N, C-alpha and C. Protein backbone atom coordinates (compact mmCIF):
# COMPACT_ATOMS: atom_id res chain seq x y z
N MET A 1 14.97 47.17 -7.10
CA MET A 1 15.99 46.84 -8.04
C MET A 1 15.51 45.63 -8.83
N TRP A 2 15.69 45.69 -10.15
CA TRP A 2 15.31 44.60 -11.04
C TRP A 2 16.49 44.26 -11.92
N SER A 3 16.66 43.00 -12.17
CA SER A 3 17.72 42.57 -13.06
C SER A 3 17.14 41.61 -14.10
N PHE A 4 17.43 41.90 -15.35
CA PHE A 4 16.98 41.07 -16.45
C PHE A 4 18.20 40.63 -17.25
N LYS A 5 17.99 39.83 -18.25
CA LYS A 5 19.10 39.31 -19.03
C LYS A 5 19.97 40.42 -19.62
N ASN A 6 19.33 41.45 -20.18
CA ASN A 6 20.08 42.51 -20.84
C ASN A 6 19.85 43.89 -20.24
N GLU A 7 19.33 43.93 -19.03
CA GLU A 7 18.98 45.23 -18.46
C GLU A 7 18.94 45.16 -16.94
N PHE A 8 19.20 46.30 -16.32
CA PHE A 8 19.15 46.44 -14.88
C PHE A 8 18.34 47.70 -14.60
N ALA A 9 17.45 47.67 -13.62
CA ALA A 9 16.65 48.85 -13.28
C ALA A 9 16.74 49.10 -11.79
N LEU A 10 16.79 50.36 -11.42
CA LEU A 10 16.84 50.76 -10.02
C LEU A 10 15.70 51.74 -9.80
N GLY A 11 14.80 51.41 -8.88
CA GLY A 11 13.63 52.24 -8.64
C GLY A 11 13.66 52.91 -7.28
N PHE A 12 13.02 54.06 -7.21
CA PHE A 12 12.93 54.82 -5.97
C PHE A 12 11.45 55.13 -5.72
N ILE A 13 10.92 54.70 -4.58
CA ILE A 13 9.49 54.84 -4.30
C ILE A 13 9.06 56.30 -4.31
N ALA A 14 9.83 57.19 -3.72
CA ALA A 14 9.49 58.61 -3.72
C ALA A 14 10.47 59.35 -4.62
N GLY A 15 10.62 58.87 -5.83
CA GLY A 15 11.61 59.41 -6.76
C GLY A 15 11.42 60.87 -7.14
N THR A 16 10.19 61.38 -7.03
CA THR A 16 9.97 62.78 -7.38
C THR A 16 10.57 63.72 -6.33
N LEU A 17 11.02 63.20 -5.20
CA LEU A 17 11.68 64.02 -4.18
C LEU A 17 13.19 64.11 -4.40
N LEU A 18 13.72 63.33 -5.33
CA LEU A 18 15.16 63.33 -5.56
C LEU A 18 15.55 64.43 -6.53
N ASP A 19 16.79 64.90 -6.41
CA ASP A 19 17.27 65.98 -7.25
C ASP A 19 18.57 65.56 -7.92
N PRO A 20 18.59 65.42 -9.25
CA PRO A 20 17.46 65.49 -10.17
C PRO A 20 16.63 64.21 -10.07
N GLU A 21 15.40 64.29 -10.54
CA GLU A 21 14.54 63.11 -10.52
C GLU A 21 15.09 62.05 -11.47
N PRO A 22 15.05 60.78 -11.07
CA PRO A 22 15.41 59.72 -12.03
C PRO A 22 14.52 59.83 -13.27
N PRO A 23 15.02 59.45 -14.44
CA PRO A 23 14.35 59.76 -15.70
C PRO A 23 13.08 58.99 -16.05
N VAL A 24 12.90 57.78 -15.55
CA VAL A 24 11.76 56.97 -16.00
C VAL A 24 10.58 57.13 -15.04
N THR A 25 9.43 57.52 -15.58
CA THR A 25 8.26 57.78 -14.75
C THR A 25 7.31 56.60 -14.64
N LYS A 26 7.34 55.68 -15.59
CA LYS A 26 6.39 54.57 -15.57
C LYS A 26 6.80 53.52 -14.54
N MET A 27 6.11 53.53 -13.42
CA MET A 27 6.32 52.52 -12.39
C MET A 27 4.96 52.19 -11.81
N SER A 28 4.48 51.00 -12.09
CA SER A 28 3.18 50.62 -11.54
C SER A 28 3.40 50.03 -10.16
N GLY A 29 2.37 50.08 -9.36
CA GLY A 29 2.44 49.50 -8.03
C GLY A 29 1.68 50.35 -7.03
N PRO A 30 1.49 49.81 -5.84
CA PRO A 30 0.70 50.52 -4.82
C PRO A 30 1.34 51.80 -4.33
N TRP A 31 2.66 51.95 -4.48
CA TRP A 31 3.33 53.14 -3.98
C TRP A 31 2.99 54.39 -4.78
N ASN A 32 2.40 54.26 -5.96
CA ASN A 32 2.02 55.43 -6.75
C ASN A 32 0.56 55.81 -6.56
N ARG A 33 -0.18 55.04 -5.80
CA ARG A 33 -1.59 55.34 -5.59
C ARG A 33 -1.78 56.23 -4.37
N ASN A 34 -2.56 57.27 -4.52
CA ASN A 34 -2.91 58.16 -3.41
C ASN A 34 -1.68 58.76 -2.73
N SER A 35 -0.69 59.09 -3.48
CA SER A 35 0.52 59.70 -2.93
C SER A 35 0.89 60.90 -3.77
N GLU A 36 1.29 61.97 -3.12
CA GLU A 36 1.72 63.14 -3.88
C GLU A 36 3.14 62.94 -4.42
N TYR A 37 3.89 62.02 -3.85
CA TYR A 37 5.24 61.72 -4.32
C TYR A 37 5.19 60.45 -5.15
N LYS A 38 5.70 60.50 -6.34
CA LYS A 38 5.60 59.38 -7.26
C LYS A 38 6.94 58.66 -7.43
N ALA A 39 6.83 57.37 -7.71
CA ALA A 39 8.02 56.55 -7.93
C ALA A 39 8.66 56.89 -9.27
N ARG A 40 9.97 56.77 -9.30
CA ARG A 40 10.75 56.99 -10.52
C ARG A 40 11.83 55.92 -10.56
N ARG A 41 12.37 55.66 -11.75
CA ARG A 41 13.44 54.67 -11.84
C ARG A 41 14.43 55.03 -12.94
N ILE A 42 15.52 54.29 -12.96
CA ILE A 42 16.50 54.42 -14.03
C ILE A 42 16.72 53.02 -14.61
N ASP A 43 16.76 52.92 -15.92
CA ASP A 43 17.04 51.67 -16.61
C ASP A 43 18.46 51.74 -17.17
N ILE A 44 19.23 50.70 -16.90
CA ILE A 44 20.61 50.66 -17.37
C ILE A 44 20.74 49.46 -18.30
N LYS A 45 21.02 49.75 -19.56
CA LYS A 45 21.11 48.68 -20.56
C LYS A 45 22.54 48.32 -20.92
N ASN A 46 23.49 49.22 -20.61
CA ASN A 46 24.89 48.90 -20.84
C ASN A 46 25.76 49.73 -19.89
N GLU A 47 27.01 49.38 -19.79
CA GLU A 47 27.91 50.03 -18.84
C GLU A 47 28.03 51.53 -19.04
N SER A 48 27.93 51.99 -20.27
CA SER A 48 28.09 53.43 -20.53
C SER A 48 26.96 54.25 -19.92
N GLU A 49 25.83 53.62 -19.60
CA GLU A 49 24.71 54.32 -18.98
C GLU A 49 24.80 54.34 -17.46
N PHE A 50 25.79 53.64 -16.89
CA PHE A 50 25.93 53.55 -15.45
C PHE A 50 26.73 54.72 -14.92
N ASP A 51 26.05 55.67 -14.29
CA ASP A 51 26.69 56.85 -13.72
C ASP A 51 26.76 56.63 -12.21
N GLU A 52 27.87 56.06 -11.76
CA GLU A 52 28.00 55.70 -10.35
C GLU A 52 27.80 56.89 -9.42
N LYS A 53 28.35 58.03 -9.77
CA LYS A 53 28.22 59.22 -8.92
C LYS A 53 26.76 59.63 -8.76
N GLN A 54 25.99 59.63 -9.86
CA GLN A 54 24.58 60.01 -9.79
C GLN A 54 23.77 58.99 -9.02
N ILE A 55 24.00 57.70 -9.27
CA ILE A 55 23.25 56.66 -8.57
C ILE A 55 23.55 56.71 -7.07
N ARG A 56 24.81 56.92 -6.71
CA ARG A 56 25.18 57.05 -5.30
C ARG A 56 24.46 58.25 -4.67
N SER A 57 24.38 59.35 -5.40
CA SER A 57 23.68 60.54 -4.90
C SER A 57 22.21 60.24 -4.63
N TRP A 58 21.55 59.55 -5.58
CA TRP A 58 20.15 59.21 -5.38
C TRP A 58 19.95 58.30 -4.16
N ILE A 59 20.83 57.32 -3.99
CA ILE A 59 20.72 56.40 -2.86
C ILE A 59 20.91 57.16 -1.55
N MET A 60 21.88 58.05 -1.49
CA MET A 60 22.11 58.84 -0.28
C MET A 60 20.92 59.75 0.02
N GLN A 61 20.34 60.36 -1.02
CA GLN A 61 19.15 61.20 -0.81
C GLN A 61 17.97 60.36 -0.32
N ALA A 62 17.78 59.20 -0.94
CA ALA A 62 16.64 58.34 -0.61
C ALA A 62 16.69 57.85 0.83
N LYS A 63 17.87 57.55 1.32
CA LYS A 63 17.95 57.02 2.69
C LYS A 63 17.62 58.08 3.74
N GLU A 64 17.61 59.35 3.37
CA GLU A 64 17.25 60.43 4.29
C GLU A 64 15.77 60.78 4.26
N LEU A 65 15.02 60.19 3.32
CA LEU A 65 13.59 60.50 3.21
C LEU A 65 12.80 59.86 4.34
N PRO A 66 11.71 60.50 4.75
CA PRO A 66 10.85 59.91 5.78
C PRO A 66 10.32 58.55 5.33
N GLY A 67 10.18 57.66 6.30
CA GLY A 67 9.62 56.35 5.99
C GLY A 67 10.65 55.25 5.88
N TRP A 68 11.91 55.61 5.81
CA TRP A 68 12.95 54.60 5.76
C TRP A 68 13.35 54.25 7.18
N ALA A 69 13.15 53.00 7.56
CA ALA A 69 13.48 52.56 8.91
C ALA A 69 14.99 52.38 9.06
N LYS A 70 15.47 52.66 10.24
CA LYS A 70 16.89 52.45 10.53
C LYS A 70 17.01 51.47 11.69
N ILE A 71 17.85 50.49 11.53
CA ILE A 71 18.09 49.52 12.58
C ILE A 71 19.25 50.04 13.43
N GLU A 72 19.01 50.12 14.72
CA GLU A 72 20.06 50.62 15.62
C GLU A 72 20.47 49.58 16.62
């Protein structure tokens, strides 16, 4: 998650596994190297672009992906 003065971005390390995939493909970093699953993100520049239902769906999908640790 990134927050800037006029923008907010939410990234998913294995975003290509989400349905539908988040729209932004440009994400640099080690998580995109040597992986068949690529990171994706969404950029939100104003409230009208904030789709709470879709973002909640992506978060719920992401937490079920392999590699996410759970504290018990």
